Amino acid sequence: MRISAKAEYACAAMMHLAAHYGDPGPVRVKTIAETQGIDDRFLVQILLLLKTAGLVASVRGAAGGYNLVRPPDKITLAEIINAIDDSTFAPPAALAKVTRTPVVTVLLDIWRQVMAEQQKLLHGLTLAELLQRTQEDALVYQI
């Protein structure tokens, strides 16, 4: 599984929104873009995909922006990445072009198992847990 730059930016944006979950107002796109180092026009495209996936809600107007739809402990990394990147299994390009021999079949089965384990790991990681990890890392640097 390859995670695109777009999916990485989506994860960073969602982490930012998770850090501001419960704030009285929505988080502005410009604030997320500047804080996370993401081009604001590209971020808007990402946020629209996340909105379509039901992970964020938008608020219009001068004080508008985005909020998480659910609490950070109810949103997994898998949901974010799968909203951006196609998570369906596609055989490696080299194997897609060869005859289905027993060796190719075994290799394709292994790649499917690897993908399933990756999805399992990503489904077990919530935004809340990732935020906790960033706080632990910050404490290590302060010592």
N, C-alpha and C. Protein backbone atom coordinates (compact mmCIF):
# COMPACT_ATOMS: atom_id res chain seq x y z
N MET A 1 0.85 -1.18 0.00
CA MET A 1 0.00 0.00 0.00
C MET A 1 0.89 1.23 0.00
N ARG A 2 0.64 2.07 -0.92
CA ARG A 2 1.32 3.36 -0.96
C ARG A 2 0.35 4.42 -0.48
N ILE A 3 0.86 5.28 0.38
CA ILE A 3 0.03 6.38 0.87
C ILE A 3 0.47 7.63 0.13
N SER A 4 -0.46 8.25 -0.55
CA SER A 4 -0.15 9.42 -1.36
C SER A 4 0.12 10.64 -0.49
N ALA A 5 0.72 11.63 -1.09
CA ALA A 5 0.94 12.91 -0.40
C ALA A 5 -0.40 13.51 -0.01
N LYS A 6 -1.40 13.35 -0.85
CA LYS A 6 -2.73 13.88 -0.56
C LYS A 6 -3.29 13.24 0.71
N ALA A 7 -3.10 11.92 0.87
CA ALA A 7 -3.58 11.23 2.07
C ALA A 7 -2.78 11.67 3.31
N GLU A 8 -1.49 11.88 3.14
CA GLU A 8 -0.68 12.37 4.26
C GLU A 8 -1.16 13.76 4.69
N TYR A 9 -1.44 14.62 3.74
CA TYR A 9 -1.95 15.96 4.07
C TYR A 9 -3.32 15.86 4.74
N ALA A 10 -4.14 14.91 4.28
CA ALA A 10 -5.45 14.71 4.88
C ALA A 10 -5.30 14.30 6.34
N CYS A 11 -4.35 13.42 6.62
CA CYS A 11 -4.10 13.00 8.00
C CYS A 11 -3.64 14.18 8.85
N ALA A 12 -2.75 15.01 8.31
CA ALA A 12 -2.28 16.19 9.04
C ALA A 12 -3.43 17.15 9.31
N ALA A 13 -4.27 17.38 8.33
CA ALA A 13 -5.42 18.29 8.50
C ALA A 13 -6.38 17.73 9.54
N MET A 14 -6.62 16.43 9.50
CA MET A 14 -7.53 15.81 10.46
C MET A 14 -6.94 15.86 11.87
N MET A 15 -5.64 15.72 11.99
CA MET A 15 -4.99 15.85 13.30
C MET A 15 -5.18 17.27 13.84
N HIS A 16 -5.05 18.24 12.95
CA HIS A 16 -5.25 19.63 13.35
C HIS A 16 -6.68 19.84 13.84
N LEU A 17 -7.65 19.31 13.09
CA LEU A 17 -9.05 19.43 13.49
C LEU A 17 -9.31 18.69 14.80
N ALA A 18 -8.66 17.56 14.97
CA ALA A 18 -8.82 16.79 16.22
C ALA A 18 -8.29 17.57 17.41
N ALA A 19 -7.20 18.28 17.21
CA ALA A 19 -6.62 19.07 18.29
C ALA A 19 -7.55 20.22 18.71
N HIS A 20 -8.43 20.62 17.79
CA HIS A 20 -9.36 21.72 18.07
C HIS A 20 -10.80 21.23 18.23
N TYR A 21 -10.95 19.92 18.40
CA TYR A 21 -12.28 19.36 18.59
C TYR A 21 -12.88 19.93 19.88
N GLY A 22 -14.10 20.37 19.78
CA GLY A 22 -14.76 20.94 20.95
C GLY A 22 -14.61 22.44 21.07
N ASP A 23 -13.76 23.04 20.23
CA ASP A 23 -13.65 24.50 20.23
C ASP A 23 -15.00 25.09 19.81
N PRO A 24 -15.28 26.32 20.23
CA PRO A 24 -16.61 26.89 19.94
C PRO A 24 -16.90 27.11 18.46
N GLY A 25 -15.91 27.33 17.65
CA GLY A 25 -16.16 27.59 16.24
C GLY A 25 -15.36 26.66 15.35
N PRO A 26 -15.66 26.68 14.05
CA PRO A 26 -14.92 25.83 13.11
C PRO A 26 -13.50 26.34 12.91
N VAL A 27 -12.65 25.47 12.41
CA VAL A 27 -11.27 25.82 12.12
C VAL A 27 -11.19 26.28 10.67
N ARG A 28 -10.58 27.43 10.46
CA ARG A 28 -10.48 27.99 9.11
C ARG A 28 -9.47 27.21 8.26
N VAL A 29 -9.77 27.12 6.98
CA VAL A 29 -8.89 26.44 6.04
C VAL A 29 -7.51 27.09 6.05
N LYS A 30 -7.49 28.40 6.06
CA LYS A 30 -6.22 29.13 6.04
C LYS A 30 -5.35 28.78 7.25
N THR A 31 -5.98 28.63 8.40
CA THR A 31 -5.25 28.29 9.62
C THR A 31 -4.62 26.90 9.50
N ILE A 32 -5.40 25.94 9.02
CA ILE A 32 -4.88 24.58 8.84
C ILE A 32 -3.74 24.60 7.82
N ALA A 33 -3.96 25.27 6.70
CA ALA A 33 -2.97 25.31 5.63
C ALA A 33 -1.65 25.91 6.12
N GLU A 34 -1.72 27.02 6.83
CA GLU A 34 -0.50 27.67 7.31
C GLU A 34 0.19 26.83 8.37
N THR A 35 -0.56 26.28 9.29
CA THR A 35 0.01 25.49 10.39
C THR A 35 0.65 24.20 9.88
N GLN A 36 0.00 23.56 8.93
CA GLN A 36 0.48 22.26 8.44
C GLN A 36 1.35 22.35 7.19
N GLY A 37 1.49 23.54 6.64
CA GLY A 37 2.32 23.72 5.45
C GLY A 37 1.72 23.11 4.20
N ILE A 38 0.42 23.26 4.05
CA ILE A 38 -0.30 22.70 2.90
C ILE A 38 -0.84 23.86 2.07
N ASP A 39 -0.73 23.77 0.76
CA ASP A 39 -1.31 24.77 -0.12
C ASP A 39 -2.81 24.83 0.14
N ASP A 40 -3.33 26.02 0.36
CA ASP A 40 -4.74 26.13 0.76
C ASP A 40 -5.71 25.66 -0.32
N ARG A 41 -5.39 25.84 -1.60
CA ARG A 41 -6.28 25.36 -2.66
C ARG A 41 -6.30 23.83 -2.69
N PHE A 42 -5.14 23.22 -2.47
CA PHE A 42 -5.05 21.76 -2.42
C PHE A 42 -5.78 21.24 -1.19
N LEU A 43 -5.66 21.95 -0.09
CA LEU A 43 -6.34 21.56 1.15
C LEU A 43 -7.85 21.58 0.98
N VAL A 44 -8.37 22.55 0.27
CA VAL A 44 -9.82 22.62 0.03
C VAL A 44 -10.29 21.35 -0.69
N GLN A 45 -9.53 20.90 -1.68
CA GLN A 45 -9.88 19.67 -2.40
C GLN A 45 -9.89 18.47 -1.45
N ILE A 46 -8.90 18.41 -0.59
CA ILE A 46 -8.79 17.32 0.38
C ILE A 46 -9.97 17.35 1.34
N LEU A 47 -10.29 18.53 1.85
CA LEU A 47 -11.39 18.65 2.80
C LEU A 47 -12.73 18.29 2.16
N LEU A 48 -12.89 18.58 0.90
CA LEU A 48 -14.12 18.18 0.20
C LEU A 48 -14.25 16.66 0.13
N LEU A 49 -13.14 15.97 -0.11
CA LEU A 49 -13.16 14.51 -0.11
C LEU A 49 -13.49 13.96 1.28
N LEU A 50 -12.92 14.59 2.30
CA LEU A 50 -13.20 14.17 3.68
C LEU A 50 -14.65 14.45 4.06
N LYS A 51 -15.19 15.54 3.53
CA LYS A 51 -16.60 15.87 3.77
C LYS A 51 -17.51 14.84 3.10
N THR A 52 -17.18 14.48 1.86
CA THR A 52 -17.94 13.47 1.14
C THR A 52 -17.92 12.14 1.88
N ALA A 53 -16.79 11.84 2.52
CA ALA A 53 -16.66 10.59 3.28
C ALA A 53 -17.35 10.66 4.64
N GLY A 54 -17.88 11.82 4.99
CA GLY A 54 -18.60 11.97 6.25
C GLY A 54 -17.70 12.13 7.46
N LEU A 55 -16.48 12.61 7.24
CA LEU A 55 -15.54 12.78 8.35
C LEU A 55 -15.49 14.20 8.89
N VAL A 56 -15.80 15.18 8.03
CA VAL A 56 -15.80 16.58 8.46
C VAL A 56 -17.08 17.25 7.98
N ALA A 57 -17.39 18.35 8.63
CA ALA A 57 -18.52 19.18 8.23
C ALA A 57 -17.98 20.58 8.00
N SER A 58 -18.59 21.27 7.05
CA SER A 58 -18.16 22.63 6.76
C SER A 58 -19.19 23.63 7.26
N VAL A 59 -18.68 24.81 7.60
CA VAL A 59 -19.52 25.92 8.03
C VAL A 59 -19.20 27.07 7.08
N ARG A 60 -20.22 27.62 6.45
CA ARG A 60 -20.02 28.71 5.50
C ARG A 60 -19.91 30.05 6.20
N GLY A 61 -19.43 31.02 5.46
CA GLY A 61 -19.43 32.39 5.95
C GLY A 61 -18.05 32.86 6.38
N ALA A 62 -18.00 34.13 6.79
CA ALA A 62 -16.74 34.76 7.18
C ALA A 62 -16.08 34.04 8.35
N ALA A 63 -16.87 33.51 9.25
CA ALA A 63 -16.32 32.79 10.40
C ALA A 63 -16.39 31.28 10.16
N GLY A 64 -16.49 30.88 8.90
CA GLY A 64 -16.65 29.47 8.56
C GLY A 64 -15.35 28.69 8.59
N GLY A 65 -15.49 27.43 8.35
CA GLY A 65 -14.35 26.54 8.34
C GLY A 65 -14.84 25.10 8.43
N TYR A 66 -14.04 24.26 9.09
CA TYR A 66 -14.36 22.83 9.18
C TYR A 66 -14.26 22.34 10.61
N ASN A 67 -15.06 21.32 10.90
CA ASN A 67 -15.05 20.61 12.18
C ASN A 67 -15.10 19.11 11.91
N LEU A 68 -14.62 18.33 12.86
CA LEU A 68 -14.81 16.89 12.79
C LEU A 68 -16.28 16.58 13.03
N VAL A 69 -16.79 15.57 12.36
CA VAL A 69 -18.17 15.16 12.53
C VAL A 69 -18.32 14.29 13.78
N ARG A 70 -17.29 13.54 14.10
CA ARG A 70 -17.30 12.66 15.27
C ARG A 70 -16.10 12.99 16.16
N PRO A 71 -16.13 12.54 17.40
CA PRO A 71 -14.98 12.78 18.28
C PRO A 71 -13.71 12.11 17.74
N PRO A 72 -12.55 12.63 18.09
CA PRO A 72 -11.28 12.07 17.60
C PRO A 72 -11.07 10.59 17.93
N ASP A 73 -11.66 10.12 19.01
CA ASP A 73 -11.49 8.70 19.35
C ASP A 73 -12.42 7.78 18.56
N LYS A 74 -13.23 8.37 17.68
CA LYS A 74 -14.15 7.59 16.84
C LYS A 74 -13.79 7.66 15.36
N ILE A 75 -12.65 8.28 15.04
CA ILE A 75 -12.20 8.38 13.65
C ILE A 75 -10.85 7.70 13.54
N THR A 76 -10.76 6.73 12.63
CA THR A 76 -9.51 5.98 12.48
C THR A 76 -8.68 6.50 11.31
N LEU A 77 -7.41 6.17 11.39
CA LEU A 77 -6.49 6.53 10.32
C LEU A 77 -6.92 5.86 9.01
N ALA A 78 -7.44 4.66 9.11
CA ALA A 78 -7.90 3.94 7.91
C ALA A 78 -9.01 4.71 7.21
N GLU A 79 -9.95 5.26 7.98
CA GLU A 79 -11.05 6.01 7.38
C GLU A 79 -10.53 7.20 6.59
N ILE A 80 -9.54 7.88 7.14
CA ILE A 80 -9.00 9.07 6.48
C ILE A 80 -8.27 8.69 5.21
N ILE A 81 -7.36 7.73 5.32
CA ILE A 81 -6.57 7.33 4.15
C ILE A 81 -7.47 6.74 3.07
N ASN A 82 -8.42 5.90 3.46
CA ASN A 82 -9.31 5.28 2.48
C ASN A 82 -10.25 6.28 1.82
N ALA A 83 -10.52 7.40 2.49
CA ALA A 83 -11.34 8.45 1.88
C ALA A 83 -10.59 9.16 0.77
N ILE A 84 -9.28 9.15 0.85
CA ILE A 84 -8.45 9.87 -0.11
C ILE A 84 -7.88 8.94 -1.18
N ASP A 85 -7.30 7.84 -0.73
CA ASP A 85 -6.66 6.89 -1.65
C ASP A 85 -7.55 5.68 -1.85
N ASP A 86 -7.51 5.13 -3.04
CA ASP A 86 -8.26 3.90 -3.32
C ASP A 86 -7.58 2.77 -2.57
N SER A 87 -8.29 2.17 -1.65
CA SER A 87 -7.68 1.13 -0.83
C SER A 87 -7.93 -0.28 -1.37
N THR A 88 -8.56 -0.36 -2.52
CA THR A 88 -8.79 -1.69 -3.07
C THR A 88 -7.48 -2.29 -3.55
N PHE A 89 -7.39 -3.60 -3.45
CA PHE A 89 -6.16 -4.28 -3.84
C PHE A 89 -6.00 -4.30 -5.35
N ALA A 90 -4.87 -3.83 -5.79
CA ALA A 90 -4.50 -3.92 -7.20
C ALA A 90 -3.18 -4.68 -7.26
N PRO A 91 -3.11 -5.72 -8.07
CA PRO A 91 -1.86 -6.47 -8.12
C PRO A 91 -0.71 -5.59 -8.59
N PRO A 92 0.49 -5.86 -8.10
CA PRO A 92 1.64 -5.11 -8.57
C PRO A 92 1.71 -5.15 -10.10
N ALA A 93 2.16 -4.08 -10.67
CA ALA A 93 2.15 -3.95 -12.13
C ALA A 93 2.85 -5.11 -12.81
N ALA A 94 3.98 -5.56 -12.27
CA ALA A 94 4.72 -6.65 -12.90
C ALA A 94 3.91 -7.94 -12.90
N LEU A 95 3.22 -8.21 -11.79
CA LEU A 95 2.44 -9.46 -11.70
C LEU A 95 1.16 -9.39 -12.52
N ALA A 96 0.64 -8.20 -12.73
CA ALA A 96 -0.59 -8.06 -13.51
C ALA A 96 -0.38 -8.44 -14.97
N LYS A 97 0.87 -8.39 -15.42
CA LYS A 97 1.17 -8.62 -16.84
C LYS A 97 1.57 -10.05 -17.15
N VAL A 98 1.72 -10.89 -16.13
CA VAL A 98 2.20 -12.24 -16.38
C VAL A 98 1.08 -13.26 -16.25
N THR A 99 1.35 -14.44 -16.77
CA THR A 99 0.40 -15.54 -16.69
C THR A 99 0.23 -15.98 -15.24
N ARG A 100 -0.98 -16.34 -14.86
CA ARG A 100 -1.27 -16.76 -13.48
C ARG A 100 -0.71 -18.17 -13.25
N THR A 101 0.53 -18.22 -12.86
CA THR A 101 1.16 -19.48 -12.49
C THR A 101 0.96 -19.70 -10.99
N PRO A 102 1.28 -20.88 -10.47
CA PRO A 102 1.18 -21.09 -9.02
C PRO A 102 2.03 -20.09 -8.22
N VAL A 103 3.18 -19.73 -8.74
CA VAL A 103 4.06 -18.77 -8.05
C VAL A 103 3.38 -17.40 -7.99
N VAL A 104 2.83 -16.96 -9.09
CA VAL A 104 2.16 -15.66 -9.14
C VAL A 104 0.95 -15.67 -8.21
N THR A 105 0.21 -16.74 -8.20
CA THR A 105 -0.96 -16.86 -7.32
C THR A 105 -0.56 -16.76 -5.85
N VAL A 106 0.52 -17.45 -5.47
CA VAL A 106 1.00 -17.39 -4.08
C VAL A 106 1.44 -15.97 -3.74
N LEU A 107 2.17 -15.32 -4.63
CA LEU A 107 2.62 -13.96 -4.37
C LEU A 107 1.45 -13.00 -4.23
N LEU A 108 0.46 -13.13 -5.09
CA LEU A 108 -0.71 -12.26 -4.99
C LEU A 108 -1.45 -12.47 -3.66
N ASP A 109 -1.52 -13.71 -3.21
CA ASP A 109 -2.13 -13.99 -1.92
C ASP A 109 -1.35 -13.32 -0.79
N ILE A 110 -0.04 -13.36 -0.86
CA ILE A 110 0.80 -12.70 0.16
C ILE A 110 0.55 -11.20 0.15
N TRP A 111 0.49 -10.58 -1.02
CA TRP A 111 0.26 -9.13 -1.10
C TRP A 111 -1.10 -8.78 -0.50
N ARG A 112 -2.10 -9.63 -0.75
CA ARG A 112 -3.42 -9.40 -0.15
C ARG A 112 -3.36 -9.48 1.38
N GLN A 113 -2.59 -10.42 1.89
CA GLN A 113 -2.44 -10.55 3.34
C GLN A 113 -1.75 -9.32 3.93
N VAL A 114 -0.73 -8.84 3.23
CA VAL A 114 -0.02 -7.63 3.68
C VAL A 114 -0.99 -6.45 3.72
N MET A 115 -1.80 -6.29 2.68
CA MET A 115 -2.78 -5.21 2.64
C MET A 115 -3.78 -5.33 3.78
N ALA A 116 -4.24 -6.55 4.06
CA ALA A 116 -5.20 -6.77 5.14
C ALA A 116 -4.58 -6.40 6.49
N GLU A 117 -3.32 -6.74 6.71
CA GLU A 117 -2.65 -6.39 7.97
C GLU A 117 -2.46 -4.88 8.10
N GLN A 118 -2.15 -4.23 6.99
CA GLN A 118 -2.02 -2.77 7.02
C GLN A 118 -3.34 -2.12 7.38
N GLN A 119 -4.42 -2.59 6.76
CA GLN A 119 -5.74 -2.04 7.07
C GLN A 119 -6.11 -2.28 8.53
N LYS A 120 -5.78 -3.46 9.03
CA LYS A 120 -6.06 -3.79 10.43
C LYS A 120 -5.33 -2.81 11.37
N LEU A 121 -4.07 -2.54 11.08
CA LEU A 121 -3.29 -1.60 11.89
C LEU A 121 -3.90 -0.20 11.82
N LEU A 122 -4.22 0.26 10.62
CA LEU A 122 -4.77 1.60 10.44
C LEU A 122 -6.16 1.74 11.07
N HIS A 123 -6.94 0.68 11.07
CA HIS A 123 -8.26 0.72 11.71
C HIS A 123 -8.14 0.78 13.23
N GLY A 124 -7.01 0.35 13.75
CA GLY A 124 -6.80 0.37 15.20
C GLY A 124 -6.23 1.67 15.73
N LEU A 125 -5.91 2.60 14.85
CA LEU A 125 -5.33 3.88 15.27
C LEU A 125 -6.34 5.00 15.10
N THR A 126 -6.71 5.64 16.20
CA THR A 126 -7.65 6.75 16.14
C THR A 126 -6.90 8.08 16.19
N LEU A 127 -7.61 9.13 15.81
CA LEU A 127 -7.02 10.48 15.90
C LEU A 127 -6.66 10.81 17.35
N ALA A 128 -7.48 10.36 18.29
CA ALA A 128 -7.20 10.63 19.70
C ALA A 128 -5.88 10.00 20.12
N GLU A 129 -5.64 8.77 19.68
CA GLU A 129 -4.39 8.10 20.02
C GLU A 129 -3.19 8.81 19.38
N LEU A 130 -3.36 9.23 18.15
CA LEU A 130 -2.27 9.94 17.48
C LEU A 130 -1.98 11.28 18.16
N LEU A 131 -3.02 11.98 18.59
CA LEU A 131 -2.81 13.22 19.35
C LEU A 131 -2.06 12.95 20.64
N GLN A 132 -2.40 11.86 21.32
CA GLN A 132 -1.70 11.48 22.54
C GLN A 132 -0.22 11.25 22.25
N ARG A 133 0.07 10.61 21.14
CA ARG A 133 1.47 10.36 20.76
C ARG A 133 2.22 11.66 20.50
N THR A 134 1.55 12.65 19.89
CA THR A 134 2.24 13.92 19.65
C THR A 134 2.55 14.62 20.96
N GLN A 135 1.67 14.50 21.94
CA GLN A 135 1.91 15.10 23.24
C GLN A 135 3.05 14.40 23.96
N GLU A 136 3.12 13.09 23.84
CA GLU A 136 4.23 12.33 24.46
C GLU A 136 5.55 12.73 23.82
N ASP A 137 5.56 12.88 22.49
CA ASP A 137 6.78 13.31 21.80
C ASP A 137 7.20 14.69 22.24
N ALA A 138 6.24 15.57 22.45
CA ALA A 138 6.56 16.95 22.89
C ALA A 138 7.19 16.92 24.26
N LEU A 139 6.72 16.05 25.14
CA LEU A 139 7.31 15.95 26.49
C LEU A 139 8.75 15.46 26.42
N VAL A 140 9.04 14.53 25.53
CA VAL A 140 10.40 14.01 25.38
C VAL A 140 11.34 15.13 24.96
N TYR A 141 10.90 15.99 24.06
CA TYR A 141 11.75 17.07 23.57
C TYR A 141 11.95 18.16 24.61
N GLN A 142 11.04 18.29 25.55
CA GLN A 142 11.15 19.34 26.56
C GLN A 142 12.10 18.96 27.69
N ILE A 143 12.37 17.70 27.86
CA ILE A 143 13.22 17.25 28.97
C ILE A 143 14.66 17.64 28.75
